[in-house]
Amino acid sequence: MQMIALHFKIHSMNGQQVLACCDRELLGKTISDNEREIVVSEYFYGGEKISEPELAGLLMEAGNANLVGNKCVGVAIKEGLITERSIIKIKGVNHAIIIKL
């Protein structure tokens, strides 16, 4: 299975699970523009490396997801979980939050 440069971690919050995923090169960085800022912390996003098919499977099962990076957001688009209109761009980096009700 081909590895792509993604990291993920699953958090349990208020009885819900949140899948956090980022592109590896963003881990530990702060991305900001004039309106927004996101800290891609090791604590929240860091964890195991994951392949695209594995991430796609986790996204389909996850109740909620927080994605930072063009690669991991691209997986969610490819799987039909979000559209381009769902994405926030910060300095050219895609960010998306998926909440399943």
N, C-alpha and C. Protein backbone atom coordinates (compact mmCIF):
# COMPACT_ATOMS: atom_id res chain seq x y z
N MET A 1 0.85 -1.18 0.00
CA MET A 1 0.00 0.00 0.00
C MET A 1 0.89 1.24 0.00
N GLN A 2 0.65 2.14 -0.90
CA GLN A 2 1.48 3.34 -1.01
C GLN A 2 1.19 4.31 0.13
N MET A 3 2.28 4.74 0.78
CA MET A 3 2.14 5.72 1.86
C MET A 3 2.14 7.11 1.26
N ILE A 4 1.31 7.96 1.80
CA ILE A 4 1.37 9.37 1.45
C ILE A 4 1.72 10.12 2.71
N ALA A 5 2.15 11.31 2.56
CA ALA A 5 2.68 12.07 3.69
C ALA A 5 1.57 12.69 4.53
N LEU A 6 0.84 11.83 5.23
CA LEU A 6 -0.24 12.28 6.10
C LEU A 6 -0.03 11.76 7.51
N HIS A 7 -0.49 12.51 8.48
CA HIS A 7 -0.50 12.07 9.87
C HIS A 7 -1.94 12.16 10.37
N PHE A 8 -2.32 11.25 11.26
CA PHE A 8 -3.66 11.34 11.82
C PHE A 8 -3.65 10.96 13.29
N LYS A 9 -4.67 11.41 13.98
CA LYS A 9 -4.88 11.08 15.38
C LYS A 9 -6.39 11.12 15.62
N ILE A 10 -6.88 10.22 16.45
CA ILE A 10 -8.30 10.22 16.78
C ILE A 10 -8.45 10.66 18.23
N HIS A 11 -9.31 11.64 18.43
CA HIS A 11 -9.58 12.19 19.76
C HIS A 11 -11.01 11.86 20.16
N SER A 12 -11.22 11.62 21.44
CA SER A 12 -12.58 11.46 21.97
C SER A 12 -12.91 12.72 22.75
N MET A 13 -14.00 13.38 22.34
CA MET A 13 -14.42 14.62 22.98
C MET A 13 -15.93 14.58 23.18
N ASN A 14 -16.37 14.73 24.41
CA ASN A 14 -17.80 14.77 24.73
C ASN A 14 -18.56 13.58 24.14
N GLY A 15 -17.98 12.40 24.23
CA GLY A 15 -18.64 11.20 23.73
C GLY A 15 -18.59 11.04 22.22
N GLN A 16 -17.94 11.95 21.54
CA GLN A 16 -17.80 11.89 20.08
C GLN A 16 -16.33 11.69 19.72
N GLN A 17 -16.10 11.08 18.59
CA GLN A 17 -14.73 10.95 18.11
C GLN A 17 -14.47 11.97 17.01
N VAL A 18 -13.27 12.55 17.07
CA VAL A 18 -12.85 13.51 16.05
C VAL A 18 -11.57 12.97 15.42
N LEU A 19 -11.59 12.83 14.11
CA LEU A 19 -10.41 12.42 13.36
C LEU A 19 -9.67 13.68 12.94
N ALA A 20 -8.44 13.83 13.39
CA ALA A 20 -7.62 14.96 12.99
C ALA A 20 -6.56 14.45 12.03
N CYS A 21 -6.40 15.13 10.91
CA CYS A 21 -5.42 14.70 9.91
C CYS A 21 -4.78 15.92 9.27
N CYS A 22 -3.46 15.82 9.03
CA CYS A 22 -2.76 16.90 8.34
C CYS A 22 -1.71 16.33 7.41
N ASP A 23 -1.31 17.15 6.45
CA ASP A 23 -0.18 16.81 5.59
C ASP A 23 1.09 16.90 6.43
N ARG A 24 1.97 15.95 6.28
CA ARG A 24 3.17 15.85 7.13
C ARG A 24 3.99 17.12 7.17
N GLU A 25 4.14 17.78 6.03
CA GLU A 25 4.99 18.97 6.00
C GLU A 25 4.42 20.16 6.77
N LEU A 26 3.15 20.07 7.16
CA LEU A 26 2.51 21.15 7.93
C LEU A 26 2.59 20.94 9.43
N LEU A 27 2.91 19.73 9.86
CA LEU A 27 2.93 19.40 11.28
C LEU A 27 3.91 20.31 12.04
N GLY A 28 3.41 20.93 13.08
CA GLY A 28 4.23 21.82 13.90
C GLY A 28 4.29 23.26 13.41
N LYS A 29 3.60 23.55 12.32
CA LYS A 29 3.64 24.90 11.76
C LYS A 29 2.37 25.69 12.10
N THR A 30 2.46 26.99 12.00
CA THR A 30 1.32 27.87 12.13
C THR A 30 1.09 28.51 10.77
N ILE A 31 -0.15 28.43 10.29
CA ILE A 31 -0.51 28.99 9.00
C ILE A 31 -1.46 30.15 9.26
N SER A 32 -1.16 31.31 8.70
CA SER A 32 -2.03 32.45 8.95
C SER A 32 -2.06 33.38 7.74
N ASP A 33 -3.16 34.11 7.66
CA ASP A 33 -3.29 35.19 6.71
C ASP A 33 -3.85 36.38 7.49
N ASN A 34 -4.39 37.34 6.82
CA ASN A 34 -4.90 38.53 7.51
C ASN A 34 -6.17 38.26 8.33
N GLU A 35 -6.87 37.16 8.02
CA GLU A 35 -8.15 36.89 8.66
C GLU A 35 -8.15 35.68 9.59
N ARG A 36 -7.29 34.67 9.32
CA ARG A 36 -7.36 33.41 10.04
C ARG A 36 -5.99 32.91 10.42
N GLU A 37 -5.98 32.04 11.44
CA GLU A 37 -4.74 31.38 11.83
C GLU A 37 -5.08 29.98 12.33
N ILE A 38 -4.27 29.02 11.94
CA ILE A 38 -4.44 27.66 12.44
C ILE A 38 -3.07 27.14 12.85
N VAL A 39 -3.02 26.56 14.04
CA VAL A 39 -1.80 25.95 14.56
C VAL A 39 -1.93 24.44 14.32
N VAL A 40 -1.04 23.90 13.53
CA VAL A 40 -1.07 22.48 13.20
C VAL A 40 -0.17 21.77 14.23
N SER A 41 -0.72 21.61 15.43
CA SER A 41 0.08 21.12 16.55
C SER A 41 0.30 19.61 16.50
N GLU A 42 1.45 19.22 17.01
CA GLU A 42 1.80 17.80 17.14
C GLU A 42 0.77 17.10 18.03
N TYR A 43 0.34 17.78 19.09
CA TYR A 43 -0.63 17.19 20.01
C TYR A 43 -1.93 16.81 19.31
N PHE A 44 -2.47 17.72 18.51
CA PHE A 44 -3.78 17.48 17.91
C PHE A 44 -3.70 16.66 16.63
N TYR A 45 -2.77 16.98 15.75
CA TYR A 45 -2.71 16.33 14.44
C TYR A 45 -1.67 15.23 14.35
N GLY A 46 -0.65 15.29 15.18
CA GLY A 46 0.44 14.33 15.09
C GLY A 46 -0.01 12.95 15.50
N GLY A 47 0.62 11.98 14.99
CA GLY A 47 0.24 10.60 15.31
C GLY A 47 0.83 9.68 14.28
N GLU A 48 0.04 8.76 13.84
CA GLU A 48 0.52 7.76 12.89
C GLU A 48 0.46 8.26 11.45
N LYS A 49 1.37 7.70 10.63
CA LYS A 49 1.31 7.95 9.20
C LYS A 49 0.20 7.07 8.62
N ILE A 50 -0.37 7.55 7.53
CA ILE A 50 -1.51 6.83 6.96
C ILE A 50 -1.49 6.95 5.44
N SER A 51 -2.01 5.93 4.77
CA SER A 51 -2.11 5.94 3.31
C SER A 51 -3.45 6.55 2.90
N GLU A 52 -3.56 6.89 1.64
CA GLU A 52 -4.81 7.47 1.13
C GLU A 52 -5.99 6.52 1.29
N PRO A 53 -5.86 5.23 0.93
CA PRO A 53 -7.01 4.33 1.12
C PRO A 53 -7.38 4.17 2.60
N GLU A 54 -6.38 4.13 3.48
CA GLU A 54 -6.68 4.02 4.91
C GLU A 54 -7.40 5.26 5.41
N LEU A 55 -6.95 6.44 4.99
CA LEU A 55 -7.62 7.68 5.39
C LEU A 55 -9.05 7.72 4.87
N ALA A 56 -9.24 7.30 3.63
CA ALA A 56 -10.59 7.28 3.06
C ALA A 56 -11.51 6.42 3.91
N GLY A 57 -11.04 5.26 4.35
CA GLY A 57 -11.84 4.38 5.19
C GLY A 57 -12.16 5.00 6.53
N LEU A 58 -11.17 5.63 7.15
CA LEU A 58 -11.40 6.28 8.44
C LEU A 58 -12.39 7.44 8.31
N LEU A 59 -12.26 8.20 7.22
CA LEU A 59 -13.18 9.33 7.02
C LEU A 59 -14.62 8.86 6.86
N MET A 60 -14.81 7.73 6.20
CA MET A 60 -16.16 7.22 6.01
C MET A 60 -16.77 6.78 7.35
N GLU A 61 -15.94 6.33 8.28
CA GLU A 61 -16.41 5.87 9.58
C GLU A 61 -16.51 7.00 10.60
N ALA A 62 -15.70 8.05 10.42
CA ALA A 62 -15.60 9.11 11.43
C ALA A 62 -16.88 9.92 11.53
N GLY A 63 -17.22 10.28 12.75
CA GLY A 63 -18.35 11.18 12.96
C GLY A 63 -17.98 12.60 12.61
N ASN A 64 -16.77 12.98 12.97
CA ASN A 64 -16.29 14.35 12.72
C ASN A 64 -14.83 14.28 12.30
N ALA A 65 -14.41 15.25 11.51
CA ALA A 65 -13.02 15.29 11.08
C ALA A 65 -12.55 16.73 10.95
N ASN A 66 -11.28 16.93 11.25
CA ASN A 66 -10.63 18.23 11.10
C ASN A 66 -9.42 17.98 10.24
N LEU A 67 -9.41 18.54 9.04
CA LEU A 67 -8.38 18.25 8.04
C LEU A 67 -7.62 19.52 7.66
N VAL A 68 -6.28 19.42 7.64
CA VAL A 68 -5.46 20.55 7.22
C VAL A 68 -4.43 20.04 6.21
N GLY A 69 -4.46 20.63 5.04
CA GLY A 69 -3.49 20.28 4.02
C GLY A 69 -4.17 19.86 2.73
N ASN A 70 -3.53 20.16 1.64
CA ASN A 70 -4.12 19.89 0.33
C ASN A 70 -4.27 18.40 0.05
N LYS A 71 -3.35 17.59 0.58
CA LYS A 71 -3.42 16.14 0.34
C LYS A 71 -4.59 15.51 1.09
N CYS A 72 -4.68 15.75 2.40
CA CYS A 72 -5.75 15.08 3.16
C CYS A 72 -7.13 15.64 2.81
N VAL A 73 -7.23 16.93 2.55
CA VAL A 73 -8.51 17.50 2.12
C VAL A 73 -8.88 16.92 0.75
N GLY A 74 -7.88 16.68 -0.09
CA GLY A 74 -8.12 16.07 -1.40
C GLY A 74 -8.74 14.69 -1.29
N VAL A 75 -8.35 13.92 -0.27
CA VAL A 75 -8.95 12.60 -0.05
C VAL A 75 -10.43 12.74 0.26
N ALA A 76 -10.79 13.70 1.12
CA ALA A 76 -12.20 13.92 1.47
C ALA A 76 -13.01 14.35 0.26
N ILE A 77 -12.44 15.16 -0.61
CA ILE A 77 -13.12 15.57 -1.84
C ILE A 77 -13.32 14.36 -2.75
N LYS A 78 -12.26 13.59 -2.92
CA LYS A 78 -12.32 12.42 -3.80
C LYS A 78 -13.38 11.42 -3.33
N GLU A 79 -13.56 11.32 -2.01
CA GLU A 79 -14.55 10.39 -1.46
C GLU A 79 -15.96 10.98 -1.45
N GLY A 80 -16.11 12.23 -1.88
CA GLY A 80 -17.43 12.86 -1.94
C GLY A 80 -17.96 13.32 -0.60
N LEU A 81 -17.08 13.47 0.39
CA LEU A 81 -17.52 13.89 1.72
C LEU A 81 -17.64 15.40 1.84
N ILE A 82 -16.90 16.13 1.02
CA ILE A 82 -16.97 17.59 0.98
C ILE A 82 -16.83 18.04 -0.46
N THR A 83 -17.14 19.30 -0.69
CA THR A 83 -16.95 19.89 -2.01
C THR A 83 -15.96 21.05 -1.87
N GLU A 84 -15.55 21.58 -2.99
CA GLU A 84 -14.62 22.73 -2.99
C GLU A 84 -15.20 23.90 -2.18
N ARG A 85 -16.52 24.03 -2.17
CA ARG A 85 -17.16 25.13 -1.43
C ARG A 85 -17.03 24.97 0.08
N SER A 86 -16.70 23.76 0.53
CA SER A 86 -16.58 23.47 1.97
C SER A 86 -15.20 23.83 2.52
N ILE A 87 -14.30 24.22 1.66
CA ILE A 87 -12.90 24.41 2.04
C ILE A 87 -12.60 25.86 2.35
N ILE A 88 -11.81 26.05 3.40
CA ILE A 88 -11.24 27.36 3.71
C ILE A 88 -9.78 27.30 3.27
N LYS A 89 -9.32 28.31 2.57
CA LYS A 89 -7.91 28.37 2.17
C LYS A 89 -7.21 29.42 3.01
N ILE A 90 -6.10 29.01 3.62
CA ILE A 90 -5.27 29.92 4.39
C ILE A 90 -3.88 29.87 3.78
N LYS A 91 -3.47 30.95 3.15
CA LYS A 91 -2.17 31.01 2.46
C LYS A 91 -1.99 29.83 1.49
N GLY A 92 -3.04 29.48 0.78
CA GLY A 92 -2.97 28.40 -0.21
C GLY A 92 -3.09 27.00 0.36
N VAL A 93 -3.27 26.88 1.68
CA VAL A 93 -3.41 25.57 2.33
C VAL A 93 -4.89 25.32 2.61
N ASN A 94 -5.37 24.17 2.18
CA ASN A 94 -6.78 23.81 2.38
C ASN A 94 -7.02 23.36 3.83
N HIS A 95 -8.18 23.78 4.35
CA HIS A 95 -8.63 23.37 5.69
C HIS A 95 -10.11 23.06 5.59
N ALA A 96 -10.51 21.95 6.17
CA ALA A 96 -11.95 21.58 6.15
C ALA A 96 -12.31 20.89 7.45
N ILE A 97 -13.52 21.12 7.87
CA ILE A 97 -14.08 20.43 9.04
C ILE A 97 -15.33 19.70 8.57
N ILE A 98 -15.40 18.43 8.93
CA ILE A 98 -16.56 17.60 8.58
C ILE A 98 -17.30 17.27 9.86
N ILE A 99 -18.57 17.59 9.90
CA ILE A 99 -19.41 17.24 11.05
C ILE A 99 -20.60 16.45 10.51
N LYS A 100 -20.71 15.23 10.94
CA LYS A 100 -21.83 14.38 10.52
C LYS A 100 -22.86 14.39 11.62
N LEU A 101 -24.08 14.70 11.25
CA LEU A 101 -25.17 14.73 12.23
C LEU A 101 -25.97 13.46 12.18
